[in-house]
PDB file of all heavy atoms in Angstrom:
ATOM      1  N   SER A   1      -1.662 -26.663 -25.078  1.00  0.00           N
ATOM      2  CA  SER A   1      -2.353 -25.566 -25.758  1.00  0.00           C
ATOM      3  C   SER A   1      -1.919 -24.192 -25.293  1.00  0.00           C
ATOM      4  O   SER A   1      -2.651 -23.215 -25.465  1.00  0.00           O
ATOM      5  CB  SER A   1      -3.875 -25.701 -25.649  1.00  0.00           C
ATOM      6  OG  SER A   1      -4.313 -26.851 -26.336  1.00  0.00           O
ATOM      7  N   LEU A   2      -0.740 -24.111 -24.715  1.00  0.00           N
ATOM      8  CA  LEU A   2      -0.160 -22.801 -24.444  1.00  0.00           C
ATOM      9  C   LEU A   2       0.358 -22.237 -25.761  1.00  0.00           C
ATOM     10  O   LEU A   2       0.961 -22.951 -26.553  1.00  0.00           O
ATOM     11  CB  LEU A   2       0.967 -22.917 -23.434  1.00  0.00           C
ATOM     12  CG  LEU A   2       0.541 -23.334 -22.023  1.00  0.00           C
ATOM     13  CD1 LEU A   2       1.753 -23.477 -21.120  1.00  0.00           C
ATOM     14  CD2 LEU A   2      -0.438 -22.318 -21.432  1.00  0.00           C
ATOM     15  N   THR A   3       0.129 -20.961 -25.983  1.00  0.00           N
ATOM     16  CA  THR A   3       0.459 -20.370 -27.277  1.00  0.00           C
ATOM     17  C   THR A   3       1.442 -19.211 -27.152  1.00  0.00           C
ATOM     18  O   THR A   3       1.583 -18.603 -26.088  1.00  0.00           O
ATOM     19  CB  THR A   3      -0.812 -19.866 -27.979  1.00  0.00           C
ATOM     20  OG1 THR A   3      -1.444 -18.880 -27.146  1.00  0.00           O
ATOM     21  CG2 THR A   3      -1.781 -20.997 -28.240  1.00  0.00           C
ATOM     22  N   ASN A   4       2.083 -18.912 -28.267  1.00  0.00           N
ATOM     23  CA  ASN A   4       2.997 -17.780 -28.354  1.00  0.00           C
ATOM     24  C   ASN A   4       2.906 -17.226 -29.766  1.00  0.00           C
ATOM     25  O   ASN A   4       2.774 -17.999 -30.730  1.00  0.00           O
ATOM     26  CB  ASN A   4       4.430 -18.226 -28.047  1.00  0.00           C
ATOM     27  CG  ASN A   4       5.372 -17.055 -27.952  1.00  0.00           C
ATOM     28  OD1 ASN A   4       5.018 -16.001 -27.430  1.00  0.00           O
ATOM     29  ND2 ASN A   4       6.581 -17.215 -28.466  1.00  0.00           N
ATOM     30  N   TYR A   5       2.950 -15.902 -29.885  1.00  0.00           N
ATOM     31  CA  TYR A   5       2.797 -15.269 -31.183  1.00  0.00           C
ATOM     32  C   TYR A   5       3.913 -14.262 -31.442  1.00  0.00           C
ATOM     33  O   TYR A   5       4.417 -13.615 -30.516  1.00  0.00           O
ATOM     34  CB  TYR A   5       1.462 -14.509 -31.260  1.00  0.00           C
ATOM     35  CG  TYR A   5       0.241 -15.379 -31.180  1.00  0.00           C
ATOM     36  CD1 TYR A   5      -0.355 -15.668 -29.964  1.00  0.00           C
ATOM     37  CD2 TYR A   5      -0.335 -15.897 -32.338  1.00  0.00           C
ATOM     38  CE1 TYR A   5      -1.483 -16.465 -29.889  1.00  0.00           C
ATOM     39  CE2 TYR A   5      -1.470 -16.685 -32.278  1.00  0.00           C
ATOM     40  CZ  TYR A   5      -2.035 -16.963 -31.051  1.00  0.00           C
ATOM     41  OH  TYR A   5      -3.166 -17.748 -30.991  1.00  0.00           O
ATOM     42  N   ALA A   6       4.243 -14.107 -32.702  1.00  0.00           N
ATOM     43  CA  ALA A   6       5.120 -13.010 -33.089  1.00  0.00           C
ATOM     44  C   ALA A   6       4.384 -11.694 -32.854  1.00  0.00           C
ATOM     45  O   ALA A   6       3.163 -11.623 -33.019  1.00  0.00           O
ATOM     46  CB  ALA A   6       5.507 -13.127 -34.558  1.00  0.00           C
ATOM     47  N   ASP A   7       5.109 -10.669 -32.463  1.00  0.00           N
ATOM     48  CA  ASP A   7       4.478  -9.382 -32.183  1.00  0.00           C
ATOM     49  C   ASP A   7       3.699  -8.862 -33.398  1.00  0.00           C
ATOM     50  O   ASP A   7       2.663  -8.218 -33.238  1.00  0.00           O
ATOM     51  CB  ASP A   7       5.538  -8.356 -31.781  1.00  0.00           C
ATOM     52  CG  ASP A   7       6.100  -8.616 -30.402  1.00  0.00           C
ATOM     53  OD1 ASP A   7       5.467  -9.360 -29.620  1.00  0.00           O
ATOM     54  OD2 ASP A   7       7.182  -8.080 -30.087  1.00  0.00           O
ATOM     55  N   SER A   8       4.194  -9.154 -34.567  1.00  0.00           N
ATOM     56  CA  SER A   8       3.581  -8.623 -35.783  1.00  0.00           C
ATOM     57  C   SER A   8       2.202  -9.194 -36.076  1.00  0.00           C
ATOM     58  O   SER A   8       1.451  -8.627 -36.883  1.00  0.00           O
ATOM     59  CB  SER A   8       4.500  -8.868 -36.980  1.00  0.00           C
ATOM     60  OG  SER A   8       4.734 -10.262 -37.149  1.00  0.00           O
ATOM     61  N   VAL A   9       1.850 -10.312 -35.433  1.00  0.00           N
ATOM     62  CA  VAL A   9       0.554 -10.939 -35.720  1.00  0.00           C
ATOM     63  C   VAL A   9      -0.365 -10.983 -34.499  1.00  0.00           C
ATOM     64  O   VAL A   9      -1.516 -11.427 -34.620  1.00  0.00           O
ATOM     65  CB  VAL A   9       0.733 -12.364 -36.286  1.00  0.00           C
ATOM     66  CG1 VAL A   9       1.654 -12.340 -37.491  1.00  0.00           C
ATOM     67  CG2 VAL A   9       1.236 -13.333 -35.229  1.00  0.00           C
ATOM     68  N   LYS A  10       0.118 -10.552 -33.357  1.00  0.00           N
ATOM     69  CA  LYS A  10      -0.712 -10.587 -32.145  1.00  0.00           C
ATOM     70  C   LYS A  10      -1.988  -9.773 -32.346  1.00  0.00           C
ATOM     71  O   LYS A  10      -1.967  -8.670 -32.874  1.00  0.00           O
ATOM     72  CB  LYS A  10       0.074 -10.028 -30.961  1.00  0.00           C
ATOM     73  CG  LYS A  10       1.087 -10.984 -30.380  1.00  0.00           C
ATOM     74  CD  LYS A  10       1.820 -10.374 -29.186  1.00  0.00           C
ATOM     75  CE  LYS A  10       2.836 -11.339 -28.626  1.00  0.00           C
ATOM     76  NZ  LYS A  10       3.615 -10.751 -27.512  1.00  0.00           N
ATOM     77  N   GLY A  11      -3.097 -10.371 -31.931  1.00  0.00           N
ATOM     78  CA  GLY A  11      -4.383  -9.708 -32.075  1.00  0.00           C
ATOM     79  C   GLY A  11      -5.041  -9.934 -33.425  1.00  0.00           C
ATOM     80  O   GLY A  11      -6.218  -9.603 -33.607  1.00  0.00           O
ATOM     81  N   ARG A  12      -4.301 -10.479 -34.378  1.00  0.00           N
ATOM     82  CA  ARG A  12      -4.859 -10.737 -35.710  1.00  0.00           C
ATOM     83  C   ARG A  12      -4.914 -12.232 -36.046  1.00  0.00           C
ATOM     84  O   ARG A  12      -5.833 -12.680 -36.720  1.00  0.00           O
ATOM     85  CB  ARG A  12      -4.022 -10.023 -36.779  1.00  0.00           C
ATOM     86  CG  ARG A  12      -3.962  -8.514 -36.617  1.00  0.00           C
ATOM     87  CD  ARG A  12      -3.280  -7.856 -37.816  1.00  0.00           C
ATOM     88  NE  ARG A  12      -1.901  -8.280 -37.985  1.00  0.00           N
ATOM     89  CZ  ARG A  12      -1.419  -8.852 -39.083  1.00  0.00           C
ATOM     90  NH1 ARG A  12      -2.220  -9.077 -40.123  1.00  0.00           N
ATOM     91  NH2 ARG A  12      -0.141  -9.195 -39.169  1.00  0.00           N
ATOM     92  N   PHE A  13      -3.930 -12.969 -35.588  1.00  0.00           N
ATOM     93  CA  PHE A  13      -3.850 -14.400 -35.885  1.00  0.00           C
ATOM     94  C   PHE A  13      -4.170 -15.206 -34.630  1.00  0.00           C
ATOM     95  O   PHE A  13      -3.827 -14.796 -33.513  1.00  0.00           O
ATOM     96  CB  PHE A  13      -2.452 -14.785 -36.344  1.00  0.00           C
ATOM     97  CG  PHE A  13      -2.057 -14.260 -37.701  1.00  0.00           C
ATOM     98  CD1 PHE A  13      -2.818 -13.318 -38.385  1.00  0.00           C
ATOM     99  CD2 PHE A  13      -0.900 -14.730 -38.306  1.00  0.00           C
ATOM    100  CE1 PHE A  13      -2.445 -12.842 -39.621  1.00  0.00           C
ATOM    101  CE2 PHE A  13      -0.507 -14.262 -39.550  1.00  0.00           C
ATOM    102  CZ  PHE A  13      -1.278 -13.312 -40.206  1.00  0.00           C
ATOM    103  N   THR A  14      -4.789 -16.372 -34.831  1.00  0.00           N
ATOM    104  CA  THR A  14      -5.077 -17.275 -33.727  1.00  0.00           C
ATOM    105  C   THR A  14      -4.673 -18.685 -34.112  1.00  0.00           C
ATOM    106  O   THR A  14      -5.120 -19.205 -35.140  1.00  0.00           O
ATOM    107  CB  THR A  14      -6.566 -17.256 -33.371  1.00  0.00           C
ATOM    108  OG1 THR A  14      -6.969 -15.919 -33.036  1.00  0.00           O
ATOM    109  CG2 THR A  14      -6.837 -18.173 -32.176  1.00  0.00           C
ATOM    110  N   ILE A  15      -3.844 -19.296 -33.284  1.00  0.00           N
ATOM    111  CA  ILE A  15      -3.418 -20.670 -33.504  1.00  0.00           C
ATOM    112  C   ILE A  15      -4.245 -21.590 -32.620  1.00  0.00           C
ATOM    113  O   ILE A  15      -4.586 -21.229 -31.484  1.00  0.00           O
ATOM    114  CB  ILE A  15      -1.911 -20.840 -33.223  1.00  0.00           C
ATOM    115  CG1 ILE A  15      -1.407 -22.200 -33.697  1.00  0.00           C
ATOM    116  CG2 ILE A  15      -1.577 -20.611 -31.757  1.00  0.00           C
ATOM    117  CD1 ILE A  15       0.108 -22.333 -33.652  1.00  0.00           C
ATOM    118  N   SER A  16      -4.593 -22.755 -33.146  1.00  0.00           N
ATOM    119  CA  SER A  16      -5.348 -23.728 -32.366  1.00  0.00           C
ATOM    120  C   SER A  16      -4.949 -25.126 -32.806  1.00  0.00           C
ATOM    121  O   SER A  16      -4.298 -25.306 -33.845  1.00  0.00           O
ATOM    122  CB  SER A  16      -6.856 -23.512 -32.530  1.00  0.00           C
ATOM    123  OG  SER A  16      -7.245 -23.671 -33.880  1.00  0.00           O
ATOM    124  N   ARG A  17      -5.381 -26.089 -32.015  1.00  0.00           N
ATOM    125  CA  ARG A  17      -4.931 -27.458 -32.244  1.00  0.00           C
ATOM    126  C   ARG A  17      -6.048 -28.417 -31.887  1.00  0.00           C
ATOM    127  O   ARG A  17      -6.681 -28.270 -30.841  1.00  0.00           O
ATOM    128  CB  ARG A  17      -3.695 -27.701 -31.388  1.00  0.00           C
ATOM    129  CG  ARG A  17      -3.050 -29.043 -31.447  1.00  0.00           C
ATOM    130  CD  ARG A  17      -1.729 -28.986 -30.647  1.00  0.00           C
ATOM    131  NE  ARG A  17      -1.128 -30.299 -30.526  1.00  0.00           N
ATOM    132  CZ  ARG A  17       0.056 -30.523 -29.951  1.00  0.00           C
ATOM    133  NH1 ARG A  17       0.744 -29.519 -29.459  1.00  0.00           N
ATOM    134  NH2 ARG A  17       0.539 -31.736 -29.866  1.00  0.00           N
ATOM    135  N   ASP A  18      -6.296 -29.394 -32.753  1.00  0.00           N
ATOM    136  CA  ASP A  18      -7.259 -30.454 -32.487  1.00  0.00           C
ATOM    137  C   ASP A  18      -6.471 -31.740 -32.347  1.00  0.00           C
ATOM    138  O   ASP A  18      -6.095 -32.363 -33.349  1.00  0.00           O
ATOM    139  CB  ASP A  18      -8.270 -30.540 -33.641  1.00  0.00           C
ATOM    140  CG  ASP A  18      -9.383 -31.532 -33.369  1.00  0.00           C
ATOM    141  OD1 ASP A  18      -9.162 -32.482 -32.579  1.00  0.00           O
ATOM    142  OD2 ASP A  18     -10.461 -31.389 -33.947  1.00  0.00           O
ATOM    143  N   ASN A  19      -6.194 -32.140 -31.120  1.00  0.00           N
ATOM    144  CA  ASN A  19      -5.352 -33.313 -30.887  1.00  0.00           C
ATOM    145  C   ASN A  19      -5.999 -34.589 -31.416  1.00  0.00           C
ATOM    146  O   ASN A  19      -5.305 -35.502 -31.849  1.00  0.00           O
ATOM    147  CB  ASN A  19      -5.045 -33.451 -29.399  1.00  0.00           C
ATOM    148  CG  ASN A  19      -4.102 -32.376 -28.906  1.00  0.00           C
ATOM    149  OD1 ASN A  19      -3.274 -31.860 -29.662  1.00  0.00           O
ATOM    150  ND2 ASN A  19      -4.227 -32.002 -27.648  1.00  0.00           N
ATOM    151  N   ALA A  20      -7.310 -34.664 -31.369  1.00  0.00           N
ATOM    152  CA  ALA A  20      -8.002 -35.863 -31.853  1.00  0.00           C
ATOM    153  C   ALA A  20      -7.806 -36.048 -33.352  1.00  0.00           C
ATOM    154  O   ALA A  20      -7.774 -37.179 -33.848  1.00  0.00           O
ATOM    155  CB  ALA A  20      -9.481 -35.779 -31.518  1.00  0.00           C
ATOM    156  N   LYS A  21      -7.666 -34.944 -34.066  1.00  0.00           N
ATOM    157  CA  LYS A  21      -7.490 -35.006 -35.512  1.00  0.00           C
ATOM    158  C   LYS A  21      -6.042 -34.790 -35.925  1.00  0.00           C
ATOM    159  O   LYS A  21      -5.729 -34.801 -37.111  1.00  0.00           O
ATOM    160  CB  LYS A  21      -8.361 -33.947 -36.194  1.00  0.00           C
ATOM    161  CG  LYS A  21      -9.849 -34.153 -36.021  1.00  0.00           C
ATOM    162  CD  LYS A  21     -10.634 -33.086 -36.766  1.00  0.00           C
ATOM    163  CE  LYS A  21     -12.131 -33.298 -36.638  1.00  0.00           C
ATOM    164  NZ  LYS A  21     -12.910 -32.251 -37.357  1.00  0.00           N
ATOM    165  N   ASN A  22      -5.172 -34.591 -34.938  1.00  0.00           N
ATOM    166  CA  ASN A  22      -3.752 -34.328 -35.232  1.00  0.00           C
ATOM    167  C   ASN A  22      -3.610 -33.197 -36.241  1.00  0.00           C
ATOM    168  O   ASN A  22      -2.803 -33.268 -37.187  1.00  0.00           O
ATOM    169  CB  ASN A  22      -3.066 -35.589 -35.748  1.00  0.00           C
ATOM    170  CG  ASN A  22      -3.138 -36.715 -34.743  1.00  0.00           C
ATOM    171  OD1 ASN A  22      -2.786 -36.533 -33.580  1.00  0.00           O
ATOM    172  ND2 ASN A  22      -3.626 -37.858 -35.169  1.00  0.00           N
ATOM    173  N   THR A  23      -4.380 -32.173 -36.021  1.00  0.00           N
ATOM    174  CA  THR A  23      -4.415 -31.048 -36.940  1.00  0.00           C
ATOM    175  C   THR A  23      -4.260 -29.748 -36.182  1.00  0.00           C
ATOM    176  O   THR A  23      -4.760 -29.599 -35.067  1.00  0.00           O
ATOM    177  CB  THR A  23      -5.745 -31.035 -37.727  1.00  0.00           C
ATOM    178  OG1 THR A  23      -5.876 -32.267 -38.437  1.00  0.00           O
ATOM    179  CG2 THR A  23      -5.771 -29.892 -38.724  1.00  0.00           C
ATOM    180  N   MET A  24      -3.557 -28.834 -36.797  1.00  0.00           N
ATOM    181  CA  MET A  24      -3.351 -27.510 -36.239  1.00  0.00           C
ATOM    182  C   MET A  24      -3.889 -26.482 -37.226  1.00  0.00           C
ATOM    183  O   MET A  24      -3.863 -26.722 -38.443  1.00  0.00           O
ATOM    184  CB  MET A  24      -1.859 -27.270 -36.009  1.00  0.00           C
ATOM    185  CG  MET A  24      -1.518 -25.883 -35.511  1.00  0.00           C
ATOM    186  SD  MET A  24       0.255 -25.679 -35.243  1.00  0.00           S
ATOM    187  CE  MET A  24       0.901 -25.851 -36.894  1.00  0.00           C
ATOM    188  N   TYR A  25      -4.364 -25.365 -36.700  1.00  0.00           N
ATOM    189  CA  TYR A  25      -4.950 -24.339 -37.541  1.00  0.00           C
ATOM    190  C   TYR A  25      -4.312 -22.975 -37.257  1.00  0.00           C
ATOM    191  O   TYR A  25      -3.811 -22.737 -36.168  1.00  0.00           O
ATOM    192  CB  TYR A  25      -6.461 -24.239 -37.296  1.00  0.00           C
ATOM    193  CG  TYR A  25      -7.184 -25.542 -37.454  1.00  0.00           C
ATOM    194  CD1 TYR A  25      -7.459 -26.340 -36.348  1.00  0.00           C
ATOM    195  CD2 TYR A  25      -7.594 -25.993 -38.708  1.00  0.00           C
ATOM    196  CE1 TYR A  25      -8.119 -27.547 -36.477  1.00  0.00           C
ATOM    197  CE2 TYR A  25      -8.254 -27.202 -38.855  1.00  0.00           C
ATOM    198  CZ  TYR A  25      -8.507 -27.970 -37.736  1.00  0.00           C
ATOM    199  OH  TYR A  25      -9.162 -29.171 -37.884  1.00  0.00           O
ATOM    200  N   LEU A  26      -4.383 -22.124 -38.256  1.00  0.00           N
ATOM    201  CA  LEU A  26      -3.992 -20.732 -38.063  1.00  0.00           C
ATOM    202  C   LEU A  26      -5.070 -19.864 -38.701  1.00  0.00           C
ATOM    203  O   LEU A  26      -5.180 -19.822 -39.926  1.00  0.00           O
ATOM    204  CB  LEU A  26      -2.630 -20.440 -38.685  1.00  0.00           C
ATOM    205  CG  LEU A  26      -2.092 -19.033 -38.415  1.00  0.00           C
ATOM    206  CD1 LEU A  26      -1.745 -18.863 -36.929  1.00  0.00           C
ATOM    207  CD2 LEU A  26      -0.867 -18.730 -39.270  1.00  0.00           C
ATOM    208  N   GLN A  27      -5.858 -19.226 -37.856  1.00  0.00           N
ATOM    209  CA  GLN A  27      -6.864 -18.289 -38.338  1.00  0.00           C
ATOM    210  C   GLN A  27      -6.210 -16.926 -38.480  1.00  0.00           C
ATOM    211  O   GLN A  27      -5.696 -16.387 -37.499  1.00  0.00           O
ATOM    212  CB  GLN A  27      -8.043 -18.209 -37.374  1.00  0.00           C
ATOM    213  CG  GLN A  27      -9.121 -17.214 -37.791  1.00  0.00           C
ATOM    214  CD  GLN A  27      -9.824 -17.607 -39.075  1.00  0.00           C
ATOM    215  OE1 GLN A  27     -10.169 -18.774 -39.257  1.00  0.00           O
ATOM    216  NE2 GLN A  27     -10.041 -16.636 -39.958  1.00  0.00           N
ATOM    217  N   MET A  28      -6.209 -16.393 -39.679  1.00  0.00           N
ATOM    218  CA  MET A  28      -5.543 -15.124 -39.966  1.00  0.00           C
ATOM    219  C   MET A  28      -6.589 -14.089 -40.368  1.00  0.00           C
ATOM    220  O   MET A  28      -7.266 -14.256 -41.390  1.00  0.00           O
ATOM    221  CB  MET A  28      -4.510 -15.306 -41.081  1.00  0.00           C
ATOM    222  CG  MET A  28      -3.492 -16.395 -40.796  1.00  0.00           C
ATOM    223  SD  MET A  28      -2.181 -16.479 -42.032  1.00  0.00           S
ATOM    224  CE  MET A  28      -3.118 -16.992 -43.470  1.00  0.00           C
ATOM    225  N   ASN A  29      -6.723 -13.063 -39.567  1.00  0.00           N
ATOM    226  CA  ASN A  29      -7.665 -11.986 -39.838  1.00  0.00           C
ATOM    227  C   ASN A  29      -6.916 -10.675 -40.061  1.00  0.00           C
ATOM    228  O   ASN A  29      -5.741 -10.554 -39.718  1.00  0.00           O
ATOM    229  CB  ASN A  29      -8.636 -11.822 -38.666  1.00  0.00           C
ATOM    230  CG  ASN A  29      -9.470 -13.066 -38.422  1.00  0.00           C
ATOM    231  OD1 ASN A  29      -9.826 -13.792 -39.350  1.00  0.00           O
ATOM    232  ND2 ASN A  29      -9.806 -13.317 -37.165  1.00  0.00           N
ATOM    233  N   SER A  30      -7.617  -9.712 -40.637  1.00  0.00           N
ATOM    234  CA  SER A  30      -7.034  -8.383 -40.876  1.00  0.00           C
ATOM    235  C   SER A  30      -5.689  -8.500 -41.581  1.00  0.00           C
ATOM    236  O   SER A  30      -4.702  -7.870 -41.168  1.00  0.00           O
ATOM    237  CB  SER A  30      -6.896  -7.621 -39.551  1.00  0.00           C
ATOM    238  OG  SER A  30      -8.131  -7.488 -38.900  1.00  0.00           O
ATOM    239  N   LEU A  31      -5.651  -9.284 -42.610  1.00  0.00           N
ATOM    240  CA  LEU A  31      -4.387  -9.544 -43.298  1.00  0.00           C
ATOM    241  C   LEU A  31      -3.847  -8.291 -43.966  1.00  0.00           C
ATOM    242  O   LEU A  31      -4.605  -7.442 -44.464  1.00  0.00           O
ATOM    243  CB  LEU A  31      -4.571 -10.653 -44.327  1.00  0.00           C
ATOM    244  CG  LEU A  31      -4.617 -12.062 -43.721  1.00  0.00           C
ATOM    245  CD1 LEU A  31      -5.251 -13.053 -44.668  1.00  0.00           C
ATOM    246  CD2 LEU A  31      -3.219 -12.504 -43.325  1.00  0.00           C
ATOM    247  N   LYS A  32      -2.519  -8.205 -43.964  1.00  0.00           N
ATOM    248  CA  LYS A  32      -1.807  -7.071 -44.526  1.00  0.00           C
ATOM    249  C   LYS A  32      -0.884  -7.555 -45.648  1.00  0.00           C
ATOM    250  O   LYS A  32      -0.469  -8.723 -45.644  1.00  0.00           O
ATOM    251  CB  LYS A  32      -0.964  -6.393 -43.450  1.00  0.00           C
ATOM    252  CG  LYS A  32      -1.739  -5.959 -42.221  1.00  0.00           C
ATOM    253  CD  LYS A  32      -0.788  -5.410 -41.164  1.00  0.00           C
ATOM    254  CE  LYS A  32      -1.531  -4.992 -39.914  1.00  0.00           C
ATOM    255  NZ  LYS A  32      -0.618  -4.449 -38.868  1.00  0.00           N
ATOM    256  N   PRO A  33      -0.524  -6.668 -46.563  1.00  0.00           N
ATOM    257  CA  PRO A  33       0.410  -7.087 -47.620  1.00  0.00           C
ATOM    258  C   PRO A  33       1.708  -7.673 -47.067  1.00  0.00           C
ATOM    259  O   PRO A  33       2.274  -8.604 -47.680  1.00  0.00           O
ATOM    260  CB  PRO A  33       0.665  -5.781 -48.379  1.00  0.00           C
ATOM    261  CG  PRO A  33      -0.594  -5.001 -48.198  1.00  0.00           C
ATOM    262  CD  PRO A  33      -1.040  -5.317 -46.797  1.00  0.00           C
ATOM    263  N   GLU A  34       2.156  -7.190 -45.930  1.00  0.00           N
ATOM    264  CA  GLU A  34       3.395  -7.702 -45.353  1.00  0.00           C
ATOM    265  C   GLU A  34       3.246  -9.106 -44.770  1.00  0.00           C
ATOM    266  O   GLU A  34       4.236  -9.703 -44.342  1.00  0.00           O
ATOM    267  CB  GLU A  34       3.942  -6.752 -44.283  1.00  0.00           C
ATOM    268  CG  GLU A  34       2.941  -6.328 -43.226  1.00  0.00           C
ATOM    269  CD  GLU A  34       2.294  -4.993 -43.538  1.00  0.00           C
ATOM    270  OE1 GLU A  34       1.925  -4.754 -44.720  1.00  0.00           O
ATOM    271  OE2 GLU A  34       2.136  -4.188 -42.593  1.00  0.00           O
ATOM    272  N   ASP A  35       2.032  -9.640 -44.749  1.00  0.00           N
ATOM    273  CA  ASP A  35       1.838 -11.037 -44.338  1.00  0.00           C
ATOM    274  C   ASP A  35       2.085 -11.998 -45.495  1.00  0.00           C
ATOM    275  O   ASP A  35       2.073 -13.212 -45.300  1.00  0.00           O
ATOM    276  CB  ASP A  35       0.410 -11.237 -43.818  1.00  0.00           C
ATOM    277  CG  ASP A  35       0.133 -10.483 -42.541  1.00  0.00           C
ATOM    278  OD1 ASP A  35       1.002 -10.479 -41.647  1.00  0.00           O
ATOM    279  OD2 ASP A  35      -0.966  -9.891 -42.423  1.00  0.00           O
ATOM    280  N   THR A  36       2.299 -11.464 -46.682  1.00  0.00           N
ATOM    281  CA  THR A  36       2.562 -12.307 -47.846  1.00  0.00           C
ATOM    282  C   THR A  36       3.830 -13.118 -47.641  1.00  0.00           C
ATOM    283  O   THR A  36       4.899 -12.569 -47.336  1.00  0.00           O
ATOM    284  CB  THR A  36       2.702 -11.439 -49.108  1.00  0.00           C
ATOM    285  OG1 THR A  36       1.450 -10.795 -49.375  1.00  0.00           O
ATOM    286  CG2 THR A  36       3.111 -12.278 -50.307  1.00  0.00           C
ATOM    287  N   ALA A  37       3.713 -14.429 -47.782  1.00  0.00           N
ATOM    288  CA  ALA A  37       4.840 -15.332 -47.552  1.00  0.00           C
ATOM    289  C   ALA A  37       4.396 -16.763 -47.828  1.00  0.00           C
ATOM    290  O   ALA A  37       3.208 -17.033 -48.009  1.00  0.00           O
ATOM    291  CB  ALA A  37       5.332 -15.215 -46.111  1.00  0.00           C
ATOM    292  N   VAL A  38       5.365 -17.649 -47.831  1.00  0.00           N
ATOM    293  CA  VAL A  38       5.067 -19.074 -47.783  1.00  0.00           C
ATOM    294  C   VAL A  38       4.994 -19.456 -46.310  1.00  0.00           C
ATOM    295  O   VAL A  38       5.925 -19.167 -45.542  1.00  0.00           O
ATOM    296  CB  VAL A  38       6.130 -19.917 -48.508  1.00  0.00           C
ATOM    297  CG1 VAL A  38       5.800 -21.402 -48.377  1.00  0.00           C
ATOM    298  CG2 VAL A  38       6.226 -19.513 -49.966  1.00  0.00           C
ATOM    299  N   TYR A  39       3.903 -20.074 -45.924  1.00  0.00           N
ATOM    300  CA  TYR A  39       3.680 -20.461 -44.534  1.00  0.00           C
ATOM    301  C   TYR A  39       3.963 -21.950 -44.375  1.00  0.00           C
ATOM    302  O   TYR A  39       3.428 -22.780 -45.134  1.00  0.00           O
ATOM    303  CB  TYR A  39       2.248 -20.133 -44.120  1.00  0.00           C
ATOM    304  CG  TYR A  39       2.050 -18.658 -43.851  1.00  0.00           C
ATOM    305  CD1 TYR A  39       2.080 -17.740 -44.894  1.00  0.00           C
ATOM    306  CD2 TYR A  39       1.863 -18.176 -42.558  1.00  0.00           C
ATOM    307  CE1 TYR A  39       1.925 -16.381 -44.657  1.00  0.00           C
ATOM    308  CE2 TYR A  39       1.701 -16.818 -42.316  1.00  0.00           C
ATOM    309  CZ  TYR A  39       1.743 -15.930 -43.372  1.00  0.00           C
ATOM    310  OH  TYR A  39       1.598 -14.585 -43.129  1.00  0.00           O
ATOM    311  N   TYR A  40       4.777 -22.258 -43.388  1.00  0.00           N
ATOM    312  CA  TYR A  40       5.199 -23.632 -43.134  1.00  0.00           C
ATOM    313  C   TYR A  40       4.708 -24.085 -41.754  1.00  0.00           C
ATOM    314  O   TYR A  40       4.711 -23.310 -40.788  1.00  0.00           O
ATOM    315  CB  TYR A  40       6.713 -23.747 -43.149  1.00  0.00           C
ATOM    316  CG  TYR A  40       7.352 -23.440 -44.480  1.00  0.00           C
ATOM    317  CD1 TYR A  40       7.770 -22.145 -44.781  1.00  0.00           C
ATOM    318  CD2 TYR A  40       7.549 -24.435 -45.432  1.00  0.00           C
ATOM    319  CE1 TYR A  40       8.365 -21.852 -45.990  1.00  0.00           C
ATOM    320  CE2 TYR A  40       8.154 -24.153 -46.645  1.00  0.00           C
ATOM    321  CZ  TYR A  40       8.550 -22.862 -46.919  1.00  0.00           C
ATOM    322  OH  TYR A  40       9.153 -22.577 -48.119  1.00  0.00           O
ATOM    323  N   CYS A  41       4.378 -25.360 -41.690  1.00  0.00           N
ATOM    324  CA  CYS A  41       4.011 -25.991 -40.429  1.00  0.00           C
ATOM    325  C   CYS A  41       5.197 -26.818 -39.939  1.00  0.00           C
ATOM    326  O   CYS A  41       5.836 -27.526 -40.729  1.00  0.00           O
ATOM    327  CB  CYS A  41       2.793 -26.872 -40.641  1.00  0.00           C
ATOM    328  SG  CYS A  41       2.365 -27.940 -39.260  1.00  0.00           S
ATOM    329  N   LYS A  42       5.480 -26.728 -38.657  1.00  0.00           N
ATOM    330  CA  LYS A  42       6.522 -27.551 -38.047  1.00  0.00           C
ATOM    331  C   LYS A  42       5.943 -28.359 -36.901  1.00  0.00           C
ATOM    332  O   LYS A  42       5.235 -27.830 -36.044  1.00  0.00           O
ATOM    333  CB  LYS A  42       7.668 -26.684 -37.522  1.00  0.00           C
ATOM    334  CG  LYS A  42       8.837 -27.510 -37.001  1.00  0.00           C
ATOM    335  CD  LYS A  42       9.966 -26.649 -36.486  1.00  0.00           C
ATOM    336  CE  LYS A  42       9.759 -26.217 -35.068  1.00  0.00           C
ATOM    337  NZ  LYS A  42      10.972 -25.579 -34.494  1.00  0.00           N
ATOM    338  N   VAL A  43       6.260 -29.640 -36.912  1.00  0.00           N
ATOM    339  CA  VAL A  43       5.870 -30.547 -35.832  1.00  0.00           C
ATOM    340  C   VAL A  43       7.134 -30.895 -35.044  1.00  0.00           C
ATOM    341  O   VAL A  43       8.132 -31.343 -35.626  1.00  0.00           O
ATOM    342  CB  VAL A  43       5.220 -31.829 -36.385  1.00  0.00           C
ATOM    343  CG1 VAL A  43       4.985 -32.832 -35.268  1.00  0.00           C
ATOM    344  CG2 VAL A  43       3.913 -31.487 -37.087  1.00  0.00           C
ATOM    345  N   GLN A  44       7.070 -30.660 -33.764  1.00  0.00           N
ATOM    346  CA  GLN A  44       8.240 -30.877 -32.907  1.00  0.00           C
ATOM    347  C   GLN A  44       8.039 -32.127 -32.068  1.00  0.00           C
ATOM    348  O   GLN A  44       7.086 -32.227 -31.289  1.00  0.00           O
ATOM    349  CB  GLN A  44       8.446 -29.664 -32.012  1.00  0.00           C
ATOM    350  CG  GLN A  44       9.677 -29.716 -31.138  1.00  0.00           C
ATOM    351  CD  GLN A  44       9.782 -28.470 -30.274  1.00  0.00           C
ATOM    352  OE1 GLN A  44       8.813 -28.012 -29.685  1.00  0.00           O
ATOM    353  NE2 GLN A  44      10.966 -27.894 -30.215  1.00  0.00           N
TER     354      GLN A  44
END
């Protein structure tokens, strides 16, 4: 559960993970027009 963020989203986005449910989340607050994009999940 160590995290890393792009500078452009620090303080606005929060990533979290529920290992029991094998699910990851991205809470996005204070959204800006420049956040518009297709968001992809990657499992490593």
